[in-house]
């Protein structure tokens, strides 16, 4: 599914505190830094910056960790 996800898509993912819902705000297809850590990604394996509905905080996940919600 990861190649179908786009900015603005509503998604769900698991965190330490349970399921979280939010929105994709950025799609990264080349290596970048987030919160002091180097994130490795490519066109074939992008990473997605998502904003939590509950906290408005951002996280970054690979596509396989995200599930589209309606």
N, C-alpha and C. Protein backbone atom coordinates (compact mmCIF):
# COMPACT_ATOMS: atom_id res chain seq x y z
N UNK A 1 0.82 -1.20 0.00
CA UNK A 1 0.00 0.00 0.00
C UNK A 1 0.86 1.25 0.00
N UNK A 2 2.07 1.17 0.47
CA UNK A 2 2.87 2.37 0.68
C UNK A 2 3.02 3.23 -0.57
N UNK A 3 3.05 2.61 -1.78
CA UNK A 3 3.22 3.42 -2.99
C UNK A 3 1.94 4.19 -3.33
N UNK A 4 0.82 3.91 -2.67
CA UNK A 4 -0.43 4.58 -2.94
C UNK A 4 -0.69 5.75 -1.99
N UNK A 5 0.07 5.86 -0.93
CA UNK A 5 -0.17 6.91 0.06
C UNK A 5 0.32 8.26 -0.44
N UNK A 6 -0.44 9.32 -0.11
CA UNK A 6 -0.10 10.67 -0.55
C UNK A 6 -0.34 11.68 0.56
N UNK A 7 0.22 12.86 0.38
CA UNK A 7 -0.03 13.96 1.31
C UNK A 7 -1.54 14.19 1.39
N UNK A 8 -2.03 14.34 2.62
CA UNK A 8 -3.46 14.56 2.84
C UNK A 8 -4.23 13.30 3.16
N UNK A 9 -3.65 12.12 2.91
CA UNK A 9 -4.33 10.87 3.24
C UNK A 9 -4.49 10.72 4.74
N UNK A 10 -5.63 10.22 5.17
CA UNK A 10 -5.89 9.92 6.58
C UNK A 10 -5.40 8.50 6.84
N UNK A 11 -4.58 8.33 7.89
CA UNK A 11 -3.99 7.03 8.19
C UNK A 11 -4.06 6.72 9.69
N UNK A 12 -3.82 5.45 10.00
CA UNK A 12 -3.74 4.95 11.37
C UNK A 12 -2.42 4.21 11.51
N UNK A 13 -1.80 4.32 12.71
CA UNK A 13 -0.57 3.58 12.99
C UNK A 13 -0.54 3.24 14.47
N UNK A 14 0.31 2.32 14.83
CA UNK A 14 0.44 1.91 16.23
C UNK A 14 1.59 2.66 16.87
N UNK A 15 1.38 3.09 18.11
CA UNK A 15 2.44 3.72 18.90
C UNK A 15 2.54 2.99 20.22
N UNK A 16 3.44 3.44 21.07
CA UNK A 16 3.59 2.82 22.39
C UNK A 16 2.31 2.92 23.20
N UNK A 17 1.51 3.93 22.94
CA UNK A 17 0.29 4.14 23.72
C UNK A 17 -0.96 3.59 23.04
N UNK A 18 -0.81 2.95 21.89
CA UNK A 18 -1.95 2.37 21.19
C UNK A 18 -2.11 2.96 19.79
N UNK A 19 -3.25 2.71 19.20
CA UNK A 19 -3.52 3.18 17.83
C UNK A 19 -3.66 4.69 17.79
N UNK A 20 -3.10 5.29 16.75
CA UNK A 20 -3.13 6.73 16.55
C UNK A 20 -3.65 6.99 15.14
N UNK A 21 -4.44 8.03 14.98
CA UNK A 21 -4.88 8.44 13.65
C UNK A 21 -4.33 9.82 13.35
N UNK A 22 -4.18 10.10 12.07
CA UNK A 22 -3.67 11.40 11.68
C UNK A 22 -3.64 11.54 10.18
N UNK A 23 -2.85 12.50 9.72
CA UNK A 23 -2.79 12.84 8.30
C UNK A 23 -1.34 12.89 7.83
N UNK A 24 -1.11 12.41 6.62
CA UNK A 24 0.21 12.49 6.01
C UNK A 24 0.46 13.94 5.61
N UNK A 25 1.57 14.51 6.06
CA UNK A 25 1.89 15.90 5.74
C UNK A 25 3.05 16.03 4.76
N UNK A 26 3.91 14.99 4.70
CA UNK A 26 5.05 15.01 3.76
C UNK A 26 5.38 13.59 3.36
N UNK A 27 5.88 13.43 2.13
CA UNK A 27 6.38 12.15 1.65
C UNK A 27 7.85 12.37 1.31
N UNK A 28 8.74 11.59 1.93
CA UNK A 28 10.18 11.72 1.70
C UNK A 28 10.67 10.55 0.86
N UNK A 29 11.40 10.87 -0.21
CA UNK A 29 11.94 9.84 -1.08
C UNK A 29 13.46 9.87 -1.15
N UNK A 30 14.08 10.71 -0.34
CA UNK A 30 15.54 10.72 -0.21
C UNK A 30 15.87 10.91 1.27
N UNK A 31 17.05 10.48 1.67
CA UNK A 31 17.45 10.52 3.07
C UNK A 31 17.29 11.92 3.67
N UNK A 32 16.89 11.97 4.94
CA UNK A 32 16.69 13.25 5.62
C UNK A 32 16.87 13.05 7.12
N UNK A 33 16.91 14.15 7.88
CA UNK A 33 17.01 14.09 9.33
C UNK A 33 15.70 14.49 9.96
N UNK A 34 15.32 13.77 11.00
CA UNK A 34 14.09 14.07 11.74
C UNK A 34 14.38 13.83 13.22
N UNK A 35 14.20 14.85 14.01
CA UNK A 35 14.44 14.78 15.46
C UNK A 35 15.84 14.24 15.78
N UNK A 36 16.82 14.73 15.04
CA UNK A 36 18.21 14.39 15.30
C UNK A 36 18.65 13.02 14.81
N UNK A 37 17.79 12.33 14.06
CA UNK A 37 18.14 11.01 13.54
C UNK A 37 18.07 11.01 12.03
N UNK A 38 19.02 10.33 11.43
CA UNK A 38 19.05 10.19 9.97
C UNK A 38 18.02 9.14 9.56
N UNK A 39 17.13 9.49 8.64
CA UNK A 39 16.10 8.58 8.14
C UNK A 39 16.48 8.19 6.72
N UNK A 40 16.57 6.90 6.46
CA UNK A 40 16.97 6.40 5.15
C UNK A 40 15.73 6.03 4.35
N UNK A 41 15.62 6.57 3.15
CA UNK A 41 14.47 6.26 2.31
C UNK A 41 14.86 6.46 0.85
N UNK A 42 13.96 6.04 -0.03
CA UNK A 42 14.20 6.14 -1.47
C UNK A 42 12.86 6.22 -2.18
N UNK A 43 12.89 6.37 -3.50
CA UNK A 43 11.66 6.35 -4.29
C UNK A 43 10.92 5.04 -4.07
N UNK A 44 11.67 3.93 -4.01
CA UNK A 44 11.05 2.61 -3.84
C UNK A 44 10.56 2.37 -2.42
N UNK A 45 11.19 3.01 -1.44
CA UNK A 45 10.80 2.85 -0.03
C UNK A 45 10.72 4.21 0.65
N UNK A 46 9.67 4.97 0.35
CA UNK A 46 9.53 6.30 0.96
C UNK A 46 9.19 6.23 2.44
N UNK A 47 9.37 7.34 3.13
CA UNK A 47 8.91 7.47 4.51
C UNK A 47 7.94 8.63 4.56
N UNK A 48 7.00 8.54 5.48
CA UNK A 48 5.89 9.48 5.54
C UNK A 48 5.89 10.23 6.86
N UNK A 49 5.82 11.55 6.77
CA UNK A 49 5.68 12.38 7.97
C UNK A 49 4.19 12.52 8.22
N UNK A 50 3.76 12.16 9.42
CA UNK A 50 2.35 12.18 9.77
C UNK A 50 2.12 13.05 11.00
N UNK A 51 0.95 13.69 11.05
CA UNK A 51 0.59 14.54 12.18
C UNK A 51 -0.56 13.86 12.93
N UNK A 52 -0.36 13.65 14.22
CA UNK A 52 -1.37 13.01 15.07
C UNK A 52 -2.58 13.92 15.25
N UNK A 53 -3.78 13.35 15.14
CA UNK A 53 -4.99 14.12 15.40
C UNK A 53 -5.08 14.52 16.87
N UNK A 54 -4.64 13.64 17.75
CA UNK A 54 -4.80 13.87 19.20
C UNK A 54 -3.83 14.93 19.73
N UNK A 55 -2.57 14.88 19.30
CA UNK A 55 -1.55 15.74 19.89
C UNK A 55 -1.03 16.82 18.95
N UNK A 56 -1.31 16.68 17.66
CA UNK A 56 -0.78 17.57 16.62
C UNK A 56 0.73 17.44 16.47
N UNK A 57 1.35 16.44 17.09
CA UNK A 57 2.78 16.20 16.95
C UNK A 57 3.04 15.38 15.71
N UNK A 58 4.27 15.47 15.18
CA UNK A 58 4.66 14.75 13.99
C UNK A 58 5.48 13.51 14.33
N UNK A 59 5.36 12.52 13.46
CA UNK A 59 6.17 11.31 13.53
C UNK A 59 6.50 10.93 12.10
N UNK A 60 7.45 10.02 11.91
CA UNK A 60 7.82 9.55 10.58
C UNK A 60 7.73 8.03 10.60
N UNK A 61 7.09 7.47 9.56
CA UNK A 61 6.92 6.02 9.46
C UNK A 61 7.12 5.56 8.03
N UNK A 62 7.49 4.29 7.90
CA UNK A 62 7.52 3.64 6.60
C UNK A 62 6.09 3.29 6.22
N UNK A 63 5.86 3.10 4.96
CA UNK A 63 4.52 2.83 4.46
C UNK A 63 3.86 1.61 5.07
N UNK A 64 4.63 0.56 5.34
CA UNK A 64 4.04 -0.67 5.88
C UNK A 64 3.47 -0.49 7.29
N UNK A 65 3.86 0.56 7.98
CA UNK A 65 3.34 0.84 9.33
C UNK A 65 2.03 1.63 9.30
N UNK A 66 1.68 2.15 8.13
CA UNK A 66 0.49 3.01 8.02
C UNK A 66 -0.66 2.28 7.35
N UNK A 67 -1.86 2.55 7.83
CA UNK A 67 -3.07 1.94 7.28
C UNK A 67 -4.06 3.05 6.97
N UNK A 68 -4.51 3.11 5.74
CA UNK A 68 -5.46 4.16 5.33
C UNK A 68 -6.78 4.00 6.09
N UNK A 69 -7.34 5.13 6.52
CA UNK A 69 -8.67 5.14 7.14
C UNK A 69 -9.55 6.10 6.35
N UNK A 70 -10.86 5.86 6.43
CA UNK A 70 -11.77 6.74 5.68
C UNK A 70 -12.30 7.85 6.52
